[in-house]
Amino acid sequence: MILPEVIDYQYDWSIDGIVEVISGPQHFLANPWSPDGNYLIFRNYSSLILHDVVNDTNIEIEAFPPTSLSQIPIYWIADGDNYLESINNLTNSAESSIYVSDNVYQATQQSSIEALPSHIDITSAEYSITEDQIEVEIKLRDLPTSLLTNRAGVCDNCWEYLWGVFIDNDNNENTGGVEGLDVPVGWEYALIITINHKAGQSQSKQSISEIALAQRWECHSATSWITENNQLDLSLNPTDDSISISGTIPNLSKDARIVIYTFDYNPSGDIQVDLYSE
């Protein structure tokens, strides 16, 4: 998720309370911050209690499994009496119960983003166009070497994961694209990496480099597109959490609109996507 550049990262903190999360669903979010701008997010649990007073120098949290802790950047809108309402809106669960004492986490400015799985969370993207060749580097919050595949709830032969670049060559959202396809609109070409759900195979963790399918798509009409294998160069770099894609696009325009797009079917909830476009 690309954070808006307009965010002011200088905060004026006044912290003197306790946040207690009684219960929450999967992907429930709870964020205490430290005055120096560090923040924590807890997710993927059914019950969690945050203990201890947060003072003006550090955060001390007890009574949670260490494996449930993940440090990622996330901001919540918080403004006086609207703070509790903001949290409840983000948790999206009537079952969750949160207690916030007076004057806890008073910030001058914050912004809200939705937490995404780290393997599709775009932190930055760069591309270059030389004649008919495009080169793209996608930086993710985390690019693992393997992912859980053939998850229950994903339809057979459907995309389970996708990373790619969609090219709107005439920079016109009203042309190109395929009706009903859940990807950015207006594209004429795309360079795509997918992991598809395989019928009859059981859930297992597999190496991304061994099972990822690299393709070039060409939009043929409003209802169809041509898929070509082995028409792009692909490099997966888990060490620096990046994916590099390059390929040839006929008559590629330097004025083309470029959209970086990632996708996780997320069978336990709604489909999750992230995108980046200049």
C-alpha atoms as a PDB file:
ATOM      1  CA  MET A   1       0.000   0.000   0.000  1.00  0.00           C
ATOM      2  CA  ILE A   2       1.496   3.322  -1.052  1.00  0.00           C
ATOM      3  CA  LEU A   3       1.127   5.939   1.675  1.00  0.00           C
ATOM      4  CA  PRO A   4      -0.058   9.335   0.392  1.00  0.00           C
ATOM      5  CA  GLU A   5       2.824  11.792   0.165  1.00  0.00           C
ATOM      6  CA  VAL A   6       0.773  14.505   1.876  1.00  0.00           C
ATOM      7  CA  ILE A   7       0.904  12.738   5.241  1.00  0.00           C
ATOM      8  CA  ASP A   8       2.634  14.772   7.926  1.00  0.00           C
ATOM      9  CA  TYR A   9       4.706  12.341   9.958  1.00  0.00           C
ATOM     10  CA  GLN A  10       5.364  14.761  12.840  1.00  0.00           C
ATOM     11  CA  TYR A  11       3.031  13.857  15.697  1.00  0.00           C
ATOM     12  CA  ASP A  12       2.289  15.524  19.019  1.00  0.00           C
ATOM     13  CA  TRP A  13       1.550  12.642  21.366  1.00  0.00           C
ATOM     14  CA  SER A  14      -0.226  12.645  24.692  1.00  0.00           C
ATOM     15  CA  ILE A  15      -0.441   9.083  26.010  1.00  0.00           C
ATOM     16  CA  ASP A  16      -1.658   8.011  29.430  1.00  0.00           C
ATOM     17  CA  GLY A  17      -3.925   5.020  29.062  1.00  0.00           C
ATOM     18  CA  ILE A  18      -4.470   1.369  28.304  1.00  0.00           C
ATOM     19  CA  VAL A  19      -5.923  -0.232  25.183  1.00  0.00           C
ATOM     20  CA  GLU A  20      -7.564  -3.584  25.778  1.00  0.00           C
ATOM     21  CA  VAL A  21      -8.733  -5.760  22.899  1.00  0.00           C
ATOM     22  CA  ILE A  22     -11.232  -8.237  24.308  1.00  0.00           C
ATOM     23  CA  SER A  23     -11.881 -10.221  21.146  1.00  0.00           C
ATOM     24  CA  GLY A  24     -11.707  -9.841  17.417  1.00  0.00           C
ATOM     25  CA  PRO A  25     -11.984 -11.719  14.140  1.00  0.00           C
ATOM     26  CA  GLN A  26      -9.146 -12.732  11.834  1.00  0.00           C
ATOM     27  CA  HIS A  27      -7.198  -9.684  10.586  1.00  0.00           C
ATOM     28  CA  PHE A  28      -8.515  -7.581  13.478  1.00  0.00           C
ATOM     29  CA  LEU A  29      -6.296  -4.519  13.906  1.00  0.00           C
ATOM     30  CA  ALA A  30      -5.099  -3.002  17.174  1.00  0.00           C
ATOM     31  CA  ASN A  31      -2.492  -0.252  17.213  1.00  0.00           C
ATOM     32  CA  PRO A  32      -0.724   1.313  20.162  1.00  0.00           C
ATOM     33  CA  TRP A  33       1.931   3.876  19.171  1.00  0.00           C
ATOM     34  CA  SER A  34       5.090   5.097  20.856  1.00  0.00           C
ATOM     35  CA  PRO A  35       5.898   8.797  20.966  1.00  0.00           C
ATOM     36  CA  ASP A  36       8.941   8.339  18.728  1.00  0.00           C
ATOM     37  CA  GLY A  37       6.673   7.285  15.872  1.00  0.00           C
ATOM     38  CA  ASN A  38       7.073   3.514  16.141  1.00  0.00           C
ATOM     39  CA  TYR A  39       3.871   1.531  15.995  1.00  0.00           C
ATOM     40  CA  LEU A  40       2.738  -2.057  16.299  1.00  0.00           C
ATOM     41  CA  ILE A  41      -0.030  -4.024  14.664  1.00  0.00           C
ATOM     42  CA  PHE A  42      -1.469  -7.287  15.919  1.00  0.00           C
ATOM     43  CA  ARG A  43      -3.441  -9.507  13.589  1.00  0.00           C
ATOM     44  CA  ASN A  44      -4.549 -13.044  12.816  1.00  0.00           C
ATOM     45  CA  TYR A  45      -5.785 -14.009  16.239  1.00  0.00           C
ATOM     46  CA  SER A  46      -9.109 -14.737  17.919  1.00  0.00           C
ATOM     47  CA  SER A  47      -8.324 -13.295  21.336  1.00  0.00           C
ATOM     48  CA  LEU A  48      -5.676 -10.895  22.541  1.00  0.00           C
ATOM     49  CA  ILE A  49      -5.191  -8.688  25.566  1.00  0.00           C
ATOM     50  CA  LEU A  50      -2.844  -5.727  25.577  1.00  0.00           C
ATOM     51  CA  HIS A  51      -1.601  -4.856  29.061  1.00  0.00           C
ATOM     52  CA  ASP A  52       0.371  -2.085  30.703  1.00  0.00           C
ATOM     53  CA  VAL A  53       0.218   1.662  30.681  1.00  0.00           C
ATOM     54  CA  VAL A  54       1.781   3.295  27.662  1.00  0.00           C
ATOM     55  CA  ASN A  55       4.024   6.081  28.927  1.00  0.00           C
ATOM     56  CA  ASP A  56       5.859   8.880  27.201  1.00  0.00           C
ATOM     57  CA  THR A  57       9.007   6.908  26.395  1.00  0.00           C
ATOM     58  CA  ASN A  58       8.064   3.423  25.305  1.00  0.00           C
ATOM     59  CA  ILE A  59       5.422   0.780  24.757  1.00  0.00           C
ATOM     60  CA  GLU A  60       5.214  -2.286  26.933  1.00  0.00           C
ATOM     61  CA  ILE A  61       2.880  -5.052  25.823  1.00  0.00           C
ATOM     62  CA  GLU A  62       2.388  -8.386  27.575  1.00  0.00           C
ATOM     63  CA  ALA A  63       0.240 -11.505  27.310  1.00  0.00           C
ATOM     64  CA  PHE A  64       0.266 -12.243  23.601  1.00  0.00           C
ATOM     65  CA  PRO A  65       1.971 -15.008  21.612  1.00  0.00           C
ATOM     66  CA  PRO A  66       5.239 -13.634  20.141  1.00  0.00           C
ATOM     67  CA  THR A  67       4.359 -15.180  16.786  1.00  0.00           C
ATOM     68  CA  SER A  68       1.281 -12.954  16.507  1.00  0.00           C
ATOM     69  CA  LEU A  69       3.358  -9.791  16.370  1.00  0.00           C
ATOM     70  CA  SER A  70       4.105  -8.116  13.051  1.00  0.00           C
ATOM     71  CA  GLN A  71       5.555  -4.632  12.640  1.00  0.00           C
ATOM     72  CA  ILE A  72       4.126  -2.763   9.663  1.00  0.00           C
ATOM     73  CA  PRO A  73       3.187   0.867   8.979  1.00  0.00           C
ATOM     74  CA  ILE A  74      -0.498   1.585   9.498  1.00  0.00           C
ATOM     75  CA  TYR A  75      -2.327   4.769  10.501  1.00  0.00           C
ATOM     76  CA  TRP A  76      -5.746   5.325  11.980  1.00  0.00           C
ATOM     77  CA  ILE A  77      -7.773   8.506  11.793  1.00  0.00           C
ATOM     78  CA  ALA A  78      -8.034   9.782  15.359  1.00  0.00           C
ATOM     79  CA  ASP A  79      -9.480  13.097  16.345  1.00  0.00           C
ATOM     80  CA  GLY A  80     -10.810  13.588  19.856  1.00  0.00           C
ATOM     81  CA  ASP A  81     -14.154  11.877  20.406  1.00  0.00           C
ATOM     82  CA  ASN A  82     -14.019  10.298  16.925  1.00  0.00           C
ATOM     83  CA  TYR A  83     -11.090   8.080  17.872  1.00  0.00           C
ATOM     84  CA  LEU A  84     -13.101   5.125  19.167  1.00  0.00           C
ATOM     85  CA  GLU A  85     -15.525   5.383  16.245  1.00  0.00           C
ATOM     86  CA  SER A  86     -12.589   5.329  13.816  1.00  0.00           C
ATOM     87  CA  ILE A  87     -11.209   2.133  15.344  1.00  0.00           C
ATOM     88  CA  ASN A  88     -14.601   0.419  15.315  1.00  0.00           C
ATOM     89  CA  ASN A  89     -15.087   1.294  11.651  1.00  0.00           C
ATOM     90  CA  LEU A  90     -11.749  -0.226  10.739  1.00  0.00           C
ATOM     91  CA  THR A  91     -12.297  -3.449  12.669  1.00  0.00           C
ATOM     92  CA  ASN A  92     -15.554  -3.986  10.782  1.00  0.00           C
ATOM     93  CA  SER A  93     -16.880  -6.252  13.513  1.00  0.00           C
ATOM     94  CA  ALA A  94     -19.698  -5.741  16.001  1.00  0.00           C
ATOM     95  CA  GLU A  95     -18.149  -8.511  18.123  1.00  0.00           C
ATOM     96  CA  SER A  96     -15.027  -6.501  18.899  1.00  0.00           C
ATOM     97  CA  SER A  97     -14.813  -4.598  22.158  1.00  0.00           C
ATOM     98  CA  ILE A  98     -12.232  -1.855  22.689  1.00  0.00           C
ATOM     99  CA  TYR A  99     -11.685   0.320  25.738  1.00  0.00           C
ATOM    100  CA  VAL A 100      -9.740   3.553  25.367  1.00  0.00           C
ATOM    101  CA  SER A 101      -9.235   5.794  28.395  1.00  0.00           C
ATOM    102  CA  ASP A 102      -9.415   9.596  28.216  1.00  0.00           C
ATOM    103  CA  ASN A 103      -6.658  11.430  26.344  1.00  0.00           C
ATOM    104  CA  VAL A 104      -5.132   8.296  24.861  1.00  0.00           C
ATOM    105  CA  TYR A 105      -3.363   8.685  21.502  1.00  0.00           C
ATOM    106  CA  GLN A 106      -4.173  12.304  20.757  1.00  0.00           C
ATOM    107  CA  ALA A 107      -2.419  13.053  17.464  1.00  0.00           C
ATOM    108  CA  THR A 108      -2.259  16.220  15.381  1.00  0.00           C
ATOM    109  CA  GLN A 109      -2.662  14.362  12.092  1.00  0.00           C
ATOM    110  CA  GLN A 110      -3.103  10.772  11.019  1.00  0.00           C
ATOM    111  CA  SER A 111      -4.283   8.980   7.926  1.00  0.00           C
ATOM    112  CA  SER A 112      -5.900   5.565   7.491  1.00  0.00           C
ATOM    113  CA  ILE A 113      -4.834   2.685   5.265  1.00  0.00           C
ATOM    114  CA  GLU A 114      -6.123  -0.865   5.183  1.00  0.00           C
ATOM    115  CA  ALA A 115      -3.779  -3.676   6.176  1.00  0.00           C
ATOM    116  CA  LEU A 116      -2.908  -6.008   3.306  1.00  0.00           C
ATOM    117  CA  PRO A 117      -1.023  -9.310   3.221  1.00  0.00           C
ATOM    118  CA  SER A 118       2.657  -8.434   2.984  1.00  0.00           C
ATOM    119  CA  HIS A 119       3.152 -10.456  -0.226  1.00  0.00           C
ATOM    120  CA  ILE A 120       0.802  -8.140  -2.182  1.00  0.00           C
ATOM    121  CA  ASP A 121       1.432  -4.902  -0.265  1.00  0.00           C
ATOM    122  CA  ILE A 122       3.223  -2.568  -2.717  1.00  0.00           C
ATOM    123  CA  THR A 123       5.667  -0.250  -0.977  1.00  0.00           C
ATOM    124  CA  SER A 124       7.111   1.294  -4.144  1.00  0.00           C
ATOM    125  CA  ALA A 125       7.280   0.740  -7.899  1.00  0.00           C
ATOM    126  CA  GLU A 126       9.476   2.005 -10.719  1.00  0.00           C
ATOM    127  CA  TYR A 127       9.322   1.484 -14.467  1.00  0.00           C
ATOM    128  CA  SER A 128      11.174   2.614 -17.581  1.00  0.00           C
ATOM    129  CA  ILE A 129      10.170   2.566 -21.251  1.00  0.00           C
ATOM    130  CA  THR A 130      12.699   2.242 -24.069  1.00  0.00           C
ATOM    131  CA  GLU A 131      11.109   2.000 -27.505  1.00  0.00           C
ATOM    132  CA  ASP A 132       8.856  -1.077 -27.277  1.00  0.00           C
ATOM    133  CA  GLN A 133      10.455  -2.428 -24.103  1.00  0.00           C
ATOM    134  CA  ILE A 134       9.137  -1.850 -20.584  1.00  0.00           C
ATOM    135  CA  GLU A 135      10.997  -2.727 -17.387  1.00  0.00           C
ATOM    136  CA  VAL A 136       9.210  -2.704 -14.035  1.00  0.00           C
ATOM    137  CA  GLU A 137      10.395  -3.238 -10.472  1.00  0.00           C
ATOM    138  CA  ILE A 138       7.757  -3.837  -7.804  1.00  0.00           C
ATOM    139  CA  LYS A 139       8.807  -3.586  -4.159  1.00  0.00           C
ATOM    140  CA  LEU A 140       6.618  -5.444  -1.667  1.00  0.00           C
ATOM    141  CA  ARG A 141       6.503  -5.301   2.108  1.00  0.00           C
ATOM    142  CA  ASP A 142       7.621  -8.924   1.993  1.00  0.00           C
ATOM    143  CA  LEU A 143       8.232 -11.353  -0.863  1.00  0.00           C
ATOM    144  CA  PRO A 144       8.460 -14.854   0.638  1.00  0.00           C
ATOM    145  CA  THR A 145      10.086 -17.752  -1.165  1.00  0.00           C
ATOM    146  CA  SER A 146       6.907 -19.819  -0.825  1.00  0.00           C
ATOM    147  CA  LEU A 147       3.163 -19.337  -0.357  1.00  0.00           C
ATOM    148  CA  LEU A 148       0.229 -21.485   0.719  1.00  0.00           C
ATOM    149  CA  THR A 149      -1.506 -22.701  -2.454  1.00  0.00           C
ATOM    150  CA  ASN A 150      -4.671 -24.585  -3.380  1.00  0.00           C
ATOM    151  CA  ARG A 151      -6.415 -23.080  -0.395  1.00  0.00           C
ATOM    152  CA  ALA A 152      -9.946 -24.260   0.383  1.00  0.00           C
ATOM    153  CA  GLY A 153     -12.522 -21.801  -0.927  1.00  0.00           C
ATOM    154  CA  VAL A 154     -10.625 -20.739  -4.066  1.00  0.00           C
ATOM    155  CA  CYS A 155     -12.417 -21.840  -7.247  1.00  0.00           C
ATOM    156  CA  ASP A 156     -10.633 -24.342  -9.492  1.00  0.00           C
ATOM    157  CA  ASN A 157      -8.287 -22.763 -12.063  1.00  0.00           C
ATOM    158  CA  CYS A 158      -8.919 -19.289 -10.621  1.00  0.00           C
ATOM    159  CA  TRP A 159      -6.093 -16.908  -9.807  1.00  0.00           C
ATOM    160  CA  GLU A 160      -4.960 -17.479  -6.265  1.00  0.00           C
ATOM    161  CA  TYR A 161      -2.240 -14.805  -6.387  1.00  0.00           C
ATOM    162  CA  LEU A 162      -1.319 -12.276  -9.071  1.00  0.00           C
ATOM    163  CA  TRP A 163       1.368  -9.618  -9.514  1.00  0.00           C
ATOM    164  CA  GLY A 164       1.597  -7.592 -12.688  1.00  0.00           C
ATOM    165  CA  VAL A 165       1.725  -4.413 -14.700  1.00  0.00           C
ATOM    166  CA  PHE A 166      -1.232  -3.273 -16.803  1.00  0.00           C
ATOM    167  CA  ILE A 167      -0.492  -0.956 -19.725  1.00  0.00           C
ATOM    168  CA  ASP A 168      -3.113   1.493 -20.964  1.00  0.00           C
ATOM    169  CA  ASN A 169      -1.223   2.317 -24.149  1.00  0.00           C
ATOM    170  CA  ASP A 170      -3.561   5.088 -25.365  1.00  0.00           C
ATOM    171  CA  ASN A 171      -4.042   6.475 -21.830  1.00  0.00           C
ATOM    172  CA  ASN A 172      -7.800   6.125 -22.206  1.00  0.00           C
ATOM    173  CA  GLU A 173      -9.794   4.192 -19.601  1.00  0.00           C
ATOM    174  CA  ASN A 174     -12.760   3.957 -21.997  1.00  0.00           C
ATOM    175  CA  THR A 175     -10.897   1.784 -24.509  1.00  0.00           C
ATOM    176  CA  GLY A 176      -9.309  -1.625 -24.012  1.00  0.00           C
ATOM    177  CA  GLY A 177      -9.904  -3.761 -20.968  1.00  0.00           C
ATOM    178  CA  VAL A 178     -12.153  -6.776 -20.653  1.00  0.00           C
ATOM    179  CA  GLU A 179     -15.642  -6.562 -19.189  1.00  0.00           C
ATOM    180  CA  GLY A 180     -16.047  -8.370 -15.874  1.00  0.00           C
ATOM    181  CA  LEU A 181     -12.314  -8.985 -15.385  1.00  0.00           C
ATOM    182  CA  ASP A 182     -11.353  -7.831 -11.900  1.00  0.00           C
ATOM    183  CA  VAL A 183      -8.263  -5.833 -12.933  1.00  0.00           C
ATOM    184  CA  PRO A 184      -7.558  -2.145 -13.723  1.00  0.00           C
ATOM    185  CA  VAL A 185      -9.705  -0.769 -16.544  1.00  0.00           C
ATOM    186  CA  GLY A 186      -8.597   0.481 -19.957  1.00  0.00           C
ATOM    187  CA  TRP A 187      -5.581  -1.786 -20.493  1.00  0.00           C
ATOM    188  CA  GLU A 188      -4.369  -2.931 -23.902  1.00  0.00           C
ATOM    189  CA  TYR A 189      -1.485  -5.100 -22.664  1.00  0.00           C
ATOM    190  CA  ALA A 190      -0.398  -6.655 -19.379  1.00  0.00           C
ATOM    191  CA  LEU A 191       2.663  -8.480 -18.089  1.00  0.00           C
ATOM    192  CA  ILE A 192       1.404 -10.891 -15.459  1.00  0.00           C
ATOM    193  CA  ILE A 193       2.641 -13.399 -12.902  1.00  0.00           C
ATOM    194  CA  THR A 194      -0.046 -15.707 -11.524  1.00  0.00           C
ATOM    195  CA  ILE A 195      -0.362 -18.670  -9.217  1.00  0.00           C
ATOM    196  CA  ASN A 196      -3.561 -20.529 -10.041  1.00  0.00           C
ATOM    197  CA  HIS A 197      -5.645 -22.902  -7.946  1.00  0.00           C
ATOM    198  CA  LYS A 198      -5.221 -26.440  -9.292  1.00  0.00           C
ATOM    199  CA  ALA A 199      -8.247 -28.724  -9.361  1.00  0.00           C
ATOM    200  CA  GLY A 200      -7.866 -31.900  -7.337  1.00  0.00           C
ATOM    201  CA  GLN A 201      -4.727 -30.788  -5.494  1.00  0.00           C
ATOM    202  CA  SER A 202      -4.620 -30.382  -1.736  1.00  0.00           C
ATOM    203  CA  GLN A 203      -3.463 -27.317   0.133  1.00  0.00           C
ATOM    204  CA  SER A 204       0.305 -27.046   0.480  1.00  0.00           C
ATOM    205  CA  LYS A 205       3.113 -24.516   0.723  1.00  0.00           C
ATOM    206  CA  GLN A 206       4.992 -24.237  -2.563  1.00  0.00           C
ATOM    207  CA  SER A 207       7.919 -22.286  -3.960  1.00  0.00           C
ATOM    208  CA  ILE A 208       6.745 -19.205  -5.881  1.00  0.00           C
ATOM    209  CA  SER A 209       9.593 -19.474  -8.391  1.00  0.00           C
ATOM    210  CA  GLU A 210       8.643 -23.072  -9.227  1.00  0.00           C
ATOM    211  CA  ILE A 211       4.917 -22.606  -9.794  1.00  0.00           C
ATOM    212  CA  ALA A 212       4.444 -18.975 -10.896  1.00  0.00           C
ATOM    213  CA  LEU A 213       3.195 -18.590 -14.467  1.00  0.00           C
ATOM    214  CA  ALA A 214       4.530 -15.591 -16.426  1.00  0.00           C
ATOM    215  CA  GLN A 215       2.375 -14.337 -19.298  1.00  0.00           C
ATOM    216  CA  ARG A 216       1.766 -11.399 -21.597  1.00  0.00           C
ATOM    217  CA  TRP A 217      -1.871 -10.506 -22.121  1.00  0.00           C
ATOM    218  CA  GLU A 218      -3.182  -8.594 -25.117  1.00  0.00           C
ATOM    219  CA  CYS A 219      -6.716  -7.207 -24.972  1.00  0.00           C
ATOM    220  CA  HIS A 220      -8.457  -8.361 -28.126  1.00  0.00           C
ATOM    221  CA  SER A 221     -11.943  -6.967 -27.535  1.00  0.00           C
ATOM    222  CA  ALA A 222     -14.270  -5.971 -24.722  1.00  0.00           C
ATOM    223  CA  THR A 223     -14.916  -9.661 -24.039  1.00  0.00           C
ATOM    224  CA  SER A 224     -11.673 -11.478 -24.854  1.00  0.00           C
ATOM    225  CA  TRP A 225      -7.900 -11.323 -24.623  1.00  0.00           C
ATOM    226  CA  ILE A 226      -4.923 -13.251 -25.967  1.00  0.00           C
ATOM    227  CA  THR A 227      -2.580 -14.951 -23.504  1.00  0.00           C
ATOM    228  CA  GLU A 228       1.017 -15.670 -24.474  1.00  0.00           C
ATOM    229  CA  ASN A 229       3.457 -17.588 -22.300  1.00  0.00           C
ATOM    230  CA  ASN A 230       7.196 -16.872 -22.096  1.00  0.00           C
ATOM    231  CA  GLN A 231       6.871 -13.349 -23.475  1.00  0.00           C
ATOM    232  CA  LEU A 232       8.471 -11.604 -20.517  1.00  0.00           C
ATOM    233  CA  ASP A 233      11.565 -11.769 -18.355  1.00  0.00           C
ATOM    234  CA  LEU A 234      10.910 -12.336 -14.672  1.00  0.00           C
ATOM    235  CA  SER A 235      13.132 -12.074 -11.614  1.00  0.00           C
ATOM    236  CA  LEU A 236      11.905 -12.820  -8.085  1.00  0.00           C
ATOM    237  CA  ASN A 237      14.139 -11.341  -5.392  1.00  0.00           C
ATOM    238  CA  PRO A 238      13.034 -12.367  -1.873  1.00  0.00           C
ATOM    239  CA  THR A 239      16.220 -10.866  -0.409  1.00  0.00           C
ATOM    240  CA  ASP A 240      15.088  -7.327  -1.191  1.00  0.00           C
ATOM    241  CA  ASP A 241      11.347  -8.151  -1.482  1.00  0.00           C
ATOM    242  CA  SER A 242      11.134  -7.173  -5.145  1.00  0.00           C
ATOM    243  CA  ILE A 243       9.764  -8.506  -8.412  1.00  0.00           C
ATOM    244  CA  SER A 244      11.348  -7.395 -11.696  1.00  0.00           C
ATOM    245  CA  ILE A 245       9.363  -7.773 -14.923  1.00  0.00           C
ATOM    246  CA  SER A 246      10.339  -6.765 -18.441  1.00  0.00           C
ATOM    247  CA  GLY A 247       8.804  -7.431 -21.820  1.00  0.00           C
ATOM    248  CA  THR A 248       8.066  -6.135 -25.293  1.00  0.00           C
ATOM    249  CA  ILE A 249       4.828  -4.269 -26.004  1.00  0.00           C
ATOM    250  CA  PRO A 250       4.084  -3.519 -29.685  1.00  0.00           C
ATOM    251  CA  ASN A 251       3.983   0.226 -30.433  1.00  0.00           C
ATOM    252  CA  LEU A 252       4.481   1.047 -26.772  1.00  0.00           C
ATOM    253  CA  SER A 253       3.774   4.722 -26.069  1.00  0.00           C
ATOM    254  CA  LYS A 254       5.885   6.743 -23.655  1.00  0.00           C
ATOM    255  CA  ASP A 255       2.609   8.386 -22.618  1.00  0.00           C
ATOM    256  CA  ALA A 256       1.021   5.058 -21.658  1.00  0.00           C
ATOM    257  CA  ARG A 257      -0.722   4.847 -18.298  1.00  0.00           C
ATOM    258  CA  ILE A 258       1.038   2.189 -16.206  1.00  0.00           C
ATOM    259  CA  VAL A 259      -0.798   0.449 -13.360  1.00  0.00           C
ATOM    260  CA  ILE A 260       0.991  -1.957 -11.013  1.00  0.00           C
ATOM    261  CA  TYR A 261      -1.517  -4.418  -9.582  1.00  0.00           C
ATOM    262  CA  THR A 262      -1.389  -7.231  -7.017  1.00  0.00           C
ATOM    263  CA  PHE A 263      -4.105  -9.699  -6.004  1.00  0.00           C
ATOM    264  CA  ASP A 264      -4.819 -12.320  -3.343  1.00  0.00           C
ATOM    265  CA  TYR A 265      -8.027 -14.346  -3.632  1.00  0.00           C
ATOM    266  CA  ASN A 266      -8.217 -14.466   0.188  1.00  0.00           C
ATOM    267  CA  PRO A 267     -10.732 -17.319   0.533  1.00  0.00           C
ATOM    268  CA  SER A 268     -11.422 -16.424   4.191  1.00  0.00           C
ATOM    269  CA  GLY A 269     -12.859 -13.006   3.235  1.00  0.00           C
ATOM    270  CA  ASP A 270     -13.052 -10.451   0.442  1.00  0.00           C
ATOM    271  CA  ILE A 271     -10.568 -10.474  -2.448  1.00  0.00           C
ATOM    272  CA  GLN A 272      -7.595  -8.258  -1.552  1.00  0.00           C
ATOM    273  CA  VAL A 273      -5.811  -6.059  -4.081  1.00  0.00           C
ATOM    274  CA  ASP A 274      -3.262  -3.276  -4.138  1.00  0.00           C
ATOM    275  CA  LEU A 275      -2.311  -0.987  -6.991  1.00  0.00           C
ATOM    276  CA  TYR A 276       0.099   1.777  -7.876  1.00  0.00           C
ATOM    277  CA  SER A 277      -0.333   4.240 -10.714  1.00  0.00           C
ATOM    278  CA  GLU A 278       1.407   7.527 -11.491  1.00  0.00           C
END
